[in-house]
All heavy atoms as atom14 arrays in JSON, in Angstrom:
{
  "sequence": "KEGDEIKTNMFFDEENYGFKLKYLGKETIEVDVNGSDVKVKTLKFRPY",
  "atom14_mask": [
    [1, 1, 1, 1, 1, 1, 1, 1, 1, 0, 0, 0, 0, 0],
    [1, 1, 1, 1, 1, 1, 1, 1, 1, 0, 0, 0, 0, 0],
    [1, 1, 1, 1, 0, 0, 0, 0, 0, 0, 0, 0, 0, 0],
    [1, 1, 1, 1, 1, 1, 1, 1, 0, 0, 0, 0, 0, 0],
    [1, 1, 1, 1, 1, 1, 1, 1, 1, 0, 0, 0, 0, 0],
    [1, 1, 1, 1, 1, 1, 1, 1, 0, 0, 0, 0, 0, 0],
    [1, 1, 1, 1, 1, 1, 1, 1, 1, 0, 0, 0, 0, 0],
    [1, 1, 1, 1, 1, 1, 1, 0, 0, 0, 0, 0, 0, 0],
    [1, 1, 1, 1, 1, 1, 1, 1, 0, 0, 0, 0, 0, 0],
    [1, 1, 1, 1, 1, 1, 1, 1, 0, 0, 0, 0, 0, 0],
    [1, 1, 1, 1, 1, 1, 1, 1, 1, 1, 1, 0, 0, 0],
    [1, 1, 1, 1, 1, 1, 1, 1, 1, 1, 1, 0, 0, 0],
    [1, 1, 1, 1, 1, 1, 1, 1, 0, 0, 0, 0, 0, 0],
    [1, 1, 1, 1, 1, 1, 1, 1, 1, 0, 0, 0, 0, 0],
    [1, 1, 1, 1, 1, 1, 1, 1, 1, 0, 0, 0, 0, 0],
    [1, 1, 1, 1, 1, 1, 1, 1, 0, 0, 0, 0, 0, 0],
    [1, 1, 1, 1, 1, 1, 1, 1, 1, 1, 1, 1, 0, 0],
    [1, 1, 1, 1, 0, 0, 0, 0, 0, 0, 0, 0, 0, 0],
    [1, 1, 1, 1, 1, 1, 1, 1, 1, 1, 1, 0, 0, 0],
    [1, 1, 1, 1, 1, 1, 1, 1, 1, 0, 0, 0, 0, 0],
    [1, 1, 1, 1, 1, 1, 1, 1, 0, 0, 0, 0, 0, 0],
    [1, 1, 1, 1, 1, 1, 1, 1, 1, 0, 0, 0, 0, 0],
    [1, 1, 1, 1, 1, 1, 1, 1, 1, 1, 1, 1, 0, 0],
    [1, 1, 1, 1, 1, 1, 1, 1, 0, 0, 0, 0, 0, 0],
    [1, 1, 1, 1, 0, 0, 0, 0, 0, 0, 0, 0, 0, 0],
    [1, 1, 1, 1, 1, 1, 1, 1, 1, 0, 0, 0, 0, 0],
    [1, 1, 1, 1, 1, 1, 1, 1, 1, 0, 0, 0, 0, 0],
    [1, 1, 1, 1, 1, 1, 1, 0, 0, 0, 0, 0, 0, 0],
    [1, 1, 1, 1, 1, 1, 1, 1, 0, 0, 0, 0, 0, 0],
    [1, 1, 1, 1, 1, 1, 1, 1, 1, 0, 0, 0, 0, 0],
    [1, 1, 1, 1, 1, 1, 1, 0, 0, 0, 0, 0, 0, 0],
    [1, 1, 1, 1, 1, 1, 1, 1, 0, 0, 0, 0, 0, 0],
    [1, 1, 1, 1, 1, 1, 1, 0, 0, 0, 0, 0, 0, 0],
    [1, 1, 1, 1, 1, 1, 1, 1, 0, 0, 0, 0, 0, 0],
    [1, 1, 1, 1, 0, 0, 0, 0, 0, 0, 0, 0, 0, 0],
    [1, 1, 1, 1, 1, 1, 0, 0, 0, 0, 0, 0, 0, 0],
    [1, 1, 1, 1, 1, 1, 1, 1, 0, 0, 0, 0, 0, 0],
    [1, 1, 1, 1, 1, 1, 1, 0, 0, 0, 0, 0, 0, 0],
    [1, 1, 1, 1, 1, 1, 1, 1, 1, 0, 0, 0, 0, 0],
    [1, 1, 1, 1, 1, 1, 1, 0, 0, 0, 0, 0, 0, 0],
    [1, 1, 1, 1, 1, 1, 1, 1, 1, 0, 0, 0, 0, 0],
    [1, 1, 1, 1, 1, 1, 1, 0, 0, 0, 0, 0, 0, 0],
    [1, 1, 1, 1, 1, 1, 1, 1, 0, 0, 0, 0, 0, 0],
    [1, 1, 1, 1, 1, 1, 1, 1, 1, 0, 0, 0, 0, 0],
    [1, 1, 1, 1, 1, 1, 1, 1, 1, 1, 1, 0, 0, 0],
    [1, 1, 1, 1, 1, 1, 1, 1, 1, 1, 1, 0, 0, 0],
    [1, 1, 1, 1, 1, 1, 1, 0, 0, 0, 0, 0, 0, 0],
    [1, 1, 1, 1, 1, 1, 1, 1, 1, 1, 1, 1, 0, 0]
  ],
  "atom14_positions": [
    [[125.42, 95.27, 122.18], [126.39, 94.35, 121.43], [125.69, 93.8, 120.17], [124.51, 93.6, 120.2], [126.84, 93.28, 122.3], [127.7, 93.71, 123.53], [128.07, 92.51, 124.38], [128.81, 93.0, 125.63], [129.21, 91.88, 126.48], [0.0, 0.0, 0.0], [0.0, 0.0, 0.0], [0.0, 0.0, 0.0], [0.0, 0.0, 0.0], [0.0, 0.0, 0.0]],
    [[126.49, 93.71, 119.04], [125.87, 93.24, 117.81], [125.23, 91.92, 118.1], [125.83, 90.94, 118.69], [127.01, 93.0, 116.81], [126.52, 93.31, 115.4], [127.66, 93.44, 114.39], [128.54, 94.32, 114.66], [127.71, 92.67, 113.41], [0.0, 0.0, 0.0], [0.0, 0.0, 0.0], [0.0, 0.0, 0.0], [0.0, 0.0, 0.0], [0.0, 0.0, 0.0]],
    [[123.97, 91.76, 117.66], [123.23, 90.58, 117.8], [122.32, 90.62, 118.97], [121.4, 89.71, 119.1], [0.0, 0.0, 0.0], [0.0, 0.0, 0.0], [0.0, 0.0, 0.0], [0.0, 0.0, 0.0], [0.0, 0.0, 0.0], [0.0, 0.0, 0.0], [0.0, 0.0, 0.0], [0.0, 0.0, 0.0], [0.0, 0.0, 0.0], [0.0, 0.0, 0.0]],
    [[122.35, 91.57, 119.78], [121.46, 91.74, 120.97], [120.06, 91.86, 120.44], [119.76, 92.49, 119.5], [121.74, 93.03, 121.78], [122.87, 92.84, 122.74], [123.47, 91.64, 122.79], [123.32, 93.84, 123.35], [0.0, 0.0, 0.0], [0.0, 0.0, 0.0], [0.0, 0.0, 0.0], [0.0, 0.0, 0.0], [0.0, 0.0, 0.0], [0.0, 0.0, 0.0]],
    [[119.12, 91.17, 121.12], [117.67, 91.23, 120.79], [116.93, 91.95, 121.95], [117.23, 91.65, 123.11], [117.11, 89.86, 120.62], [117.61, 89.16, 119.33], [116.86, 87.83, 119.01], [116.06, 87.44, 119.92], [116.93, 87.33, 117.95], [0.0, 0.0, 0.0], [0.0, 0.0, 0.0], [0.0, 0.0, 0.0], [0.0, 0.0, 0.0], [0.0, 0.0, 0.0]],
    [[116.11, 92.93, 121.54], [115.47, 93.83, 122.48], [113.94, 93.6, 122.37], [113.38, 93.52, 121.27], [115.9, 95.28, 122.12], [117.36, 95.44, 122.2], [115.24, 96.24, 123.09], [117.97, 96.42, 121.38], [0.0, 0.0, 0.0], [0.0, 0.0, 0.0], [0.0, 0.0, 0.0], [0.0, 0.0, 0.0], [0.0, 0.0, 0.0], [0.0, 0.0, 0.0]],
    [[113.25, 93.54, 123.54], [111.81, 93.27, 123.52], [110.99, 94.34, 124.35], [111.64, 94.85, 125.3], [111.57, 91.85, 124.15], [112.16, 90.73, 123.31], [111.85, 89.45, 123.97], [112.58, 88.28, 123.2], [112.25, 87.0, 123.89], [0.0, 0.0, 0.0], [0.0, 0.0, 0.0], [0.0, 0.0, 0.0], [0.0, 0.0, 0.0], [0.0, 0.0, 0.0]],
    [[109.86, 94.61, 123.98], [108.98, 95.47, 124.77], [107.55, 95.23, 124.43], [107.25, 94.43, 123.56], [109.33, 97.01, 124.41], [108.59, 97.83, 125.32], [108.97, 97.39, 123.01], [0.0, 0.0, 0.0], [0.0, 0.0, 0.0], [0.0, 0.0, 0.0], [0.0, 0.0, 0.0], [0.0, 0.0, 0.0], [0.0, 0.0, 0.0], [0.0, 0.0, 0.0]],
    [[106.61, 95.85, 125.11], [105.16, 95.61, 124.98], [104.44, 96.88, 124.41], [104.72, 98.04, 124.72], [104.46, 95.33, 126.31], [105.01, 94.05, 126.98], [105.18, 93.07, 126.2], [105.36, 94.03, 128.23], [0.0, 0.0, 0.0], [0.0, 0.0, 0.0], [0.0, 0.0, 0.0], [0.0, 0.0, 0.0], [0.0, 0.0, 0.0], [0.0, 0.0, 0.0]],
    [[103.52, 96.56, 123.52], [102.72, 97.67, 122.88], [101.24, 97.21, 122.76], [100.97, 96.03, 122.55], [103.29, 97.99, 121.47], [102.7, 99.25, 120.93], [103.1, 99.5, 119.22], [102.05, 98.26, 118.38], [0.0, 0.0, 0.0], [0.0, 0.0, 0.0], [0.0, 0.0, 0.0], [0.0, 0.0, 0.0], [0.0, 0.0, 0.0], [0.0, 0.0, 0.0]],
    [[100.39, 98.25, 122.81], [98.9, 97.91, 122.65], [98.5, 98.78, 121.36], [98.73, 100.0, 121.3], [98.11, 98.38, 123.87], [96.73, 97.94, 123.73], [96.28, 96.77, 124.12], [95.73, 98.93, 123.24], [94.92, 96.26, 124.05], [94.38, 98.47, 123.2], [94.03, 97.21, 123.6], [0.0, 0.0, 0.0], [0.0, 0.0, 0.0], [0.0, 0.0, 0.0]],
    [[97.86, 98.1, 120.38], [97.48, 98.72, 119.15], [96.07, 98.29, 118.77], [95.84, 97.09, 118.68], [98.45, 98.4, 118.11], [98.28, 99.1, 116.76], [98.12, 100.44, 116.65], [98.02, 98.28, 115.66], [97.84, 101.08, 115.4], [97.76, 98.87, 114.4], [97.63, 100.32, 114.31], [0.0, 0.0, 0.0], [0.0, 0.0, 0.0], [0.0, 0.0, 0.0]],
    [[95.14, 99.29, 118.58], [93.75, 98.96, 118.21], [93.07, 98.23, 119.41], [92.72, 98.8, 120.35], [93.59, 98.3, 116.84], [93.74, 99.25, 115.81], [93.9, 100.48, 116.0], [93.8, 98.81, 114.54], [0.0, 0.0, 0.0], [0.0, 0.0, 0.0], [0.0, 0.0, 0.0], [0.0, 0.0, 0.0], [0.0, 0.0, 0.0], [0.0, 0.0, 0.0]],
    [[93.06, 96.89, 119.3], [92.36, 96.08, 120.36], [93.29, 94.95, 120.79], [92.8, 93.97, 121.35], [91.07, 95.56, 119.88], [90.01, 96.62, 119.48], [88.7, 96.06, 119.0], [88.57, 94.78, 119.11], [87.84, 96.85, 118.56], [0.0, 0.0, 0.0], [0.0, 0.0, 0.0], [0.0, 0.0, 0.0], [0.0, 0.0, 0.0], [0.0, 0.0, 0.0]],
    [[94.63, 95.04, 120.54], [95.43, 93.9, 120.81], [96.7, 94.3, 121.47], [97.28, 95.41, 121.25], [95.76, 93.17, 119.49], [94.59, 92.49, 118.85], [95.06, 91.72, 117.61], [95.89, 90.87, 117.71], [94.45, 91.94, 116.57], [0.0, 0.0, 0.0], [0.0, 0.0, 0.0], [0.0, 0.0, 0.0], [0.0, 0.0, 0.0], [0.0, 0.0, 0.0]],
    [[97.34, 93.37, 122.28], [98.68, 93.49, 122.78], [99.68, 92.84, 121.83], [99.44, 91.76, 121.3], [98.72, 92.78, 124.24], [98.0, 93.5, 125.24], [98.33, 94.44, 125.81], [96.76, 92.87, 125.57], [0.0, 0.0, 0.0], [0.0, 0.0, 0.0], [0.0, 0.0, 0.0], [0.0, 0.0, 0.0], [0.0, 0.0, 0.0], [0.0, 0.0, 0.0]],
    [[100.75, 93.57, 121.68], [101.82, 93.09, 120.8], [103.13, 92.97, 121.46], [103.49, 93.87, 122.24], [102.01, 94.06, 119.62], [100.87, 93.99, 118.6], [99.75, 94.81, 118.73], [100.93, 93.14, 117.45], [98.7, 94.81, 117.85], [99.88, 93.11, 116.58], [98.74, 93.87, 116.75], [97.7, 93.89, 115.8], [0.0, 0.0, 0.0], [0.0, 0.0, 0.0]],
    [[103.86, 91.95, 121.27], [105.2, 91.73, 121.65], [106.11, 92.29, 120.58], [106.12, 91.76, 119.46], [0.0, 0.0, 0.0], [0.0, 0.0, 0.0], [0.0, 0.0, 0.0], [0.0, 0.0, 0.0], [0.0, 0.0, 0.0], [0.0, 0.0, 0.0], [0.0, 0.0, 0.0], [0.0, 0.0, 0.0], [0.0, 0.0, 0.0], [0.0, 0.0, 0.0]],
    [[106.95, 93.28, 120.9], [107.84, 93.86, 119.89], [109.25, 93.47, 120.11], [109.71, 93.51, 121.27], [107.7, 95.43, 119.92], [108.64, 96.17, 118.99], [108.54, 96.02, 117.65], [109.55, 96.95, 119.56], [109.35, 96.77, 116.86], [110.47, 97.71, 118.72], [110.44, 97.54, 117.33], [0.0, 0.0, 0.0], [0.0, 0.0, 0.0], [0.0, 0.0, 0.0]],
    [[109.93, 92.95, 119.06], [111.33, 92.57, 119.2], [112.11, 93.04, 118.04], [111.72, 93.09, 116.91], [111.33, 90.96, 119.2], [112.71, 90.4, 119.42], [112.7, 88.92, 119.58], [112.38, 88.15, 118.24], [112.55, 86.69, 118.37], [0.0, 0.0, 0.0], [0.0, 0.0, 0.0], [0.0, 0.0, 0.0], [0.0, 0.0, 0.0], [0.0, 0.0, 0.0]],
    [[113.34, 93.41, 118.26], [114.2, 93.79, 117.21], [115.8, 93.41, 117.56], [116.05, 93.16, 118.83], [114.21, 95.31, 116.89], [114.78, 96.34, 117.91], [114.89, 97.6, 117.21], [113.89, 96.51, 119.04], [0.0, 0.0, 0.0], [0.0, 0.0, 0.0], [0.0, 0.0, 0.0], [0.0, 0.0, 0.0], [0.0, 0.0, 0.0], [0.0, 0.0, 0.0]],
    [[116.55, 93.32, 116.61], [117.93, 92.9, 116.71], [118.86, 94.06, 116.36], [118.67, 94.8, 115.38], [118.24, 91.76, 115.82], [119.74, 91.23, 115.92], [120.05, 90.23, 114.83], [119.22, 89.0, 114.87], [119.55, 87.93, 113.95], [0.0, 0.0, 0.0], [0.0, 0.0, 0.0], [0.0, 0.0, 0.0], [0.0, 0.0, 0.0], [0.0, 0.0, 0.0]],
    [[119.87, 94.3, 117.17], [120.89, 95.33, 116.98], [121.95, 94.75, 116.01], [122.58, 93.69, 116.25], [121.45, 95.74, 118.35], [122.66, 96.75, 118.11], [122.43, 97.98, 117.5], [123.92, 96.41, 118.65], [123.47, 98.9, 117.39], [124.86, 97.41, 118.46], [124.71, 98.6, 117.86], [125.73, 99.49, 117.76], [0.0, 0.0, 0.0], [0.0, 0.0, 0.0]],
    [[122.16, 95.49, 114.88], [123.02, 95.0, 113.92], [124.4, 95.71, 113.87], [125.33, 95.37, 113.14], [122.39, 95.26, 112.47], [121.08, 94.54, 112.19], [120.58, 94.9, 110.86], [121.14, 93.02, 112.39], [0.0, 0.0, 0.0], [0.0, 0.0, 0.0], [0.0, 0.0, 0.0], [0.0, 0.0, 0.0], [0.0, 0.0, 0.0], [0.0, 0.0, 0.0]],
    [[124.62, 96.74, 114.76], [125.79, 97.41, 114.85], [125.75, 98.87, 114.35], [124.7, 99.35, 114.11], [0.0, 0.0, 0.0], [0.0, 0.0, 0.0], [0.0, 0.0, 0.0], [0.0, 0.0, 0.0], [0.0, 0.0, 0.0], [0.0, 0.0, 0.0], [0.0, 0.0, 0.0], [0.0, 0.0, 0.0], [0.0, 0.0, 0.0], [0.0, 0.0, 0.0]],
    [[126.96, 99.53, 114.33], [126.94, 100.95, 113.91], [127.41, 101.07, 112.33], [128.04, 100.22, 111.9], [128.15, 101.6, 114.73], [127.82, 101.75, 116.16], [128.88, 102.45, 117.0], [128.51, 102.58, 118.5], [129.58, 103.25, 119.2], [0.0, 0.0, 0.0], [0.0, 0.0, 0.0], [0.0, 0.0, 0.0], [0.0, 0.0, 0.0], [0.0, 0.0, 0.0]],
    [[126.84, 102.08, 111.81], [127.11, 102.35, 110.42], [127.03, 103.82, 110.05], [126.12, 104.57, 110.61], [126.06, 101.59, 109.54], [126.37, 101.75, 108.03], [125.3, 100.93, 107.21], [124.65, 100.01, 107.72], [125.18, 101.27, 106.02], [0.0, 0.0, 0.0], [0.0, 0.0, 0.0], [0.0, 0.0, 0.0], [0.0, 0.0, 0.0], [0.0, 0.0, 0.0]],
    [[127.93, 104.37, 109.26], [127.88, 105.79, 108.86], [127.18, 105.72, 107.55], [127.58, 105.06, 106.57], [129.27, 106.32, 108.71], [129.9, 106.31, 110.05], [129.2, 107.81, 108.24], [0.0, 0.0, 0.0], [0.0, 0.0, 0.0], [0.0, 0.0, 0.0], [0.0, 0.0, 0.0], [0.0, 0.0, 0.0], [0.0, 0.0, 0.0], [0.0, 0.0, 0.0]],
    [[126.14, 106.61, 107.41], [125.29, 106.67, 106.18], [125.29, 108.14, 105.76], [125.43, 109.02, 106.52], [123.93, 106.13, 106.41], [123.11, 107.0, 107.39], [123.95, 104.65, 106.9], [121.66, 106.56, 107.45], [0.0, 0.0, 0.0], [0.0, 0.0, 0.0], [0.0, 0.0, 0.0], [0.0, 0.0, 0.0], [0.0, 0.0, 0.0], [0.0, 0.0, 0.0]],
    [[124.97, 108.3, 104.42], [124.73, 109.68, 103.87], [123.15, 109.9, 103.91], [122.39, 109.1, 103.47], [125.22, 109.67, 102.47], [126.77, 109.68, 102.41], [127.28, 109.92, 100.93], [126.43, 110.33, 100.1], [128.48, 109.7, 100.75], [0.0, 0.0, 0.0], [0.0, 0.0, 0.0], [0.0, 0.0, 0.0], [0.0, 0.0, 0.0], [0.0, 0.0, 0.0]],
    [[122.86, 111.09, 104.34], [121.45, 111.55, 104.38], [121.34, 112.99, 103.81], [122.3, 113.69, 103.74], [120.87, 111.52, 105.81], [120.81, 110.1, 106.36], [121.65, 112.39, 106.71], [0.0, 0.0, 0.0], [0.0, 0.0, 0.0], [0.0, 0.0, 0.0], [0.0, 0.0, 0.0], [0.0, 0.0, 0.0], [0.0, 0.0, 0.0], [0.0, 0.0, 0.0]],
    [[120.17, 113.27, 103.35], [119.85, 114.58, 102.8], [118.83, 115.28, 103.66], [117.62, 114.94, 103.53], [119.42, 114.52, 101.34], [119.23, 115.89, 100.7], [119.37, 116.86, 101.49], [118.9, 116.02, 99.5], [0.0, 0.0, 0.0], [0.0, 0.0, 0.0], [0.0, 0.0, 0.0], [0.0, 0.0, 0.0], [0.0, 0.0, 0.0], [0.0, 0.0, 0.0]],
    [[119.21, 116.05, 104.65], [118.34, 116.59, 105.72], [118.52, 118.13, 105.63], [119.56, 118.58, 105.52], [118.47, 116.09, 107.11], [117.98, 114.64, 107.11], [119.9, 116.16, 107.55], [0.0, 0.0, 0.0], [0.0, 0.0, 0.0], [0.0, 0.0, 0.0], [0.0, 0.0, 0.0], [0.0, 0.0, 0.0], [0.0, 0.0, 0.0], [0.0, 0.0, 0.0]],
    [[117.36, 118.79, 105.76], [117.32, 120.29, 105.86], [118.15, 120.85, 104.65], [118.86, 121.9, 104.77], [117.86, 120.77, 107.11], [116.95, 120.5, 108.32], [115.79, 120.1, 108.07], [117.37, 120.69, 109.46], [0.0, 0.0, 0.0], [0.0, 0.0, 0.0], [0.0, 0.0, 0.0], [0.0, 0.0, 0.0], [0.0, 0.0, 0.0], [0.0, 0.0, 0.0]],
    [[118.05, 120.15, 103.47], [118.71, 120.65, 102.27], [120.22, 120.44, 102.1], [120.76, 121.0, 101.2], [0.0, 0.0, 0.0], [0.0, 0.0, 0.0], [0.0, 0.0, 0.0], [0.0, 0.0, 0.0], [0.0, 0.0, 0.0], [0.0, 0.0, 0.0], [0.0, 0.0, 0.0], [0.0, 0.0, 0.0], [0.0, 0.0, 0.0], [0.0, 0.0, 0.0]],
    [[120.76, 119.65, 103.03], [122.2, 119.41, 102.91], [122.48, 117.87, 102.94], [121.88, 117.12, 103.67], [122.99, 120.08, 104.18], [122.71, 121.43, 104.17], [0.0, 0.0, 0.0], [0.0, 0.0, 0.0], [0.0, 0.0, 0.0], [0.0, 0.0, 0.0], [0.0, 0.0, 0.0], [0.0, 0.0, 0.0], [0.0, 0.0, 0.0], [0.0, 0.0, 0.0]],
    [[123.48, 117.46, 102.09], [123.91, 116.08, 102.07], [125.04, 116.0, 103.18], [126.09, 116.59, 103.09], [124.43, 115.71, 100.78], [123.43, 115.62, 99.65], [122.28, 114.98, 100.02], [123.53, 116.12, 98.61], [0.0, 0.0, 0.0], [0.0, 0.0, 0.0], [0.0, 0.0, 0.0], [0.0, 0.0, 0.0], [0.0, 0.0, 0.0], [0.0, 0.0, 0.0]],
    [[124.82, 115.04, 104.18], [125.72, 114.93, 105.24], [125.97, 113.42, 105.56], [125.06, 112.7, 105.26], [125.3, 115.7, 106.54], [125.37, 117.17, 106.26], [123.94, 115.24, 106.96], [0.0, 0.0, 0.0], [0.0, 0.0, 0.0], [0.0, 0.0, 0.0], [0.0, 0.0, 0.0], [0.0, 0.0, 0.0], [0.0, 0.0, 0.0], [0.0, 0.0, 0.0]],
    [[127.05, 113.15, 106.23], [127.31, 111.78, 106.63], [127.0, 111.71, 108.27], [127.47, 112.69, 108.92], [128.71, 111.33, 106.46], [129.01, 111.14, 104.97], [130.46, 110.65, 104.75], [130.75, 110.38, 103.31], [132.11, 109.87, 103.11], [0.0, 0.0, 0.0], [0.0, 0.0, 0.0], [0.0, 0.0, 0.0], [0.0, 0.0, 0.0], [0.0, 0.0, 0.0]],
    [[126.34, 110.73, 108.64], [125.9, 110.68, 110.09], [126.2, 109.27, 110.59], [125.97, 108.27, 109.92], [124.4, 111.0, 110.19], [124.01, 110.88, 111.67], [124.06, 112.29, 109.57], [0.0, 0.0, 0.0], [0.0, 0.0, 0.0], [0.0, 0.0, 0.0], [0.0, 0.0, 0.0], [0.0, 0.0, 0.0], [0.0, 0.0, 0.0], [0.0, 0.0, 0.0]],
    [[126.71, 109.22, 111.84], [126.92, 107.87, 112.5], [125.54, 107.43, 112.97], [124.79, 108.17, 113.58], [127.81, 108.03, 113.69], [129.3, 108.19, 113.37], [130.18, 108.23, 114.55], [131.64, 108.31, 114.19], [132.55, 108.38, 115.55], [0.0, 0.0, 0.0], [0.0, 0.0, 0.0], [0.0, 0.0, 0.0], [0.0, 0.0, 0.0], [0.0, 0.0, 0.0]],
    [[125.23, 106.15, 112.7], [123.96, 105.58, 113.16], [124.07, 104.26, 113.87], [125.11, 103.64, 113.8], [123.05, 105.28, 111.9], [123.6, 104.28, 111.06], [122.95, 106.64, 111.02], [0.0, 0.0, 0.0], [0.0, 0.0, 0.0], [0.0, 0.0, 0.0], [0.0, 0.0, 0.0], [0.0, 0.0, 0.0], [0.0, 0.0, 0.0], [0.0, 0.0, 0.0]],
    [[123.0, 103.91, 114.49], [122.79, 102.6, 115.16], [121.8, 101.86, 114.19], [120.73, 102.4, 113.83], [122.25, 102.69, 116.48], [123.01, 103.53, 117.51], [122.22, 103.66, 118.79], [124.41, 103.01, 117.74], [0.0, 0.0, 0.0], [0.0, 0.0, 0.0], [0.0, 0.0, 0.0], [0.0, 0.0, 0.0], [0.0, 0.0, 0.0], [0.0, 0.0, 0.0]],
    [[122.17, 100.68, 113.76], [121.34, 99.99, 112.74], [120.65, 98.79, 113.5], [121.21, 97.98, 114.27], [122.26, 99.39, 111.7], [121.57, 98.69, 110.5], [122.62, 98.36, 109.51], [121.98, 97.67, 108.33], [122.98, 97.23, 107.27], [0.0, 0.0, 0.0], [0.0, 0.0, 0.0], [0.0, 0.0, 0.0], [0.0, 0.0, 0.0], [0.0, 0.0, 0.0]],
    [[119.32, 98.75, 113.18], [118.45, 97.65, 113.78], [117.64, 96.91, 112.82], [117.41, 97.35, 111.69], [117.49, 98.31, 114.81], [118.15, 98.97, 116.04], [118.55, 100.25, 116.01], [118.28, 98.23, 117.23], [119.17, 100.84, 117.1], [118.91, 98.87, 118.25], [119.37, 100.1, 118.24], [0.0, 0.0, 0.0], [0.0, 0.0, 0.0], [0.0, 0.0, 0.0]],
    [[117.28, 95.68, 113.18], [116.45, 94.82, 112.32], [115.18, 94.49, 113.14], [115.2, 93.5, 113.93], [117.24, 93.58, 111.89], [116.47, 92.49, 111.11], [115.94, 92.98, 109.79], [116.99, 93.71, 109.0], [118.04, 93.11, 108.42], [118.3, 91.86, 108.48], [118.91, 93.93, 107.69], [0.0, 0.0, 0.0], [0.0, 0.0, 0.0], [0.0, 0.0, 0.0]],
    [[114.03, 95.19, 113.0], [112.89, 94.79, 113.67], [112.19, 93.57, 113.08], [112.3, 93.33, 111.93], [111.94, 96.01, 113.5], [112.8, 97.08, 112.99], [113.95, 96.44, 112.21], [0.0, 0.0, 0.0], [0.0, 0.0, 0.0], [0.0, 0.0, 0.0], [0.0, 0.0, 0.0], [0.0, 0.0, 0.0], [0.0, 0.0, 0.0], [0.0, 0.0, 0.0]],
    [[111.63, 92.77, 114.02], [111.0, 91.45, 113.51], [109.48, 91.76, 113.2], [108.79, 92.4, 114.05], [111.0, 90.45, 114.56], [112.46, 89.85, 114.63], [113.39, 90.31, 115.54], [112.81, 88.68, 113.97], [114.64, 89.96, 115.65], [114.08, 88.16, 114.08], [115.04, 88.77, 114.87], [116.28, 88.27, 115.07], [0.0, 0.0, 0.0], [0.0, 0.0, 0.0]]
  ]
}
């Protein structure tokens, strides 16, 4: 649901990190992949 905050654990170099991001909703965007311009449905997130 829009506004949901998601958390998980990660270890990097010599430290533990708490990872959090917010779900911003769905969005259709234009991308240029494998030589073609196409529109793709996406899930949009905001990492902290």
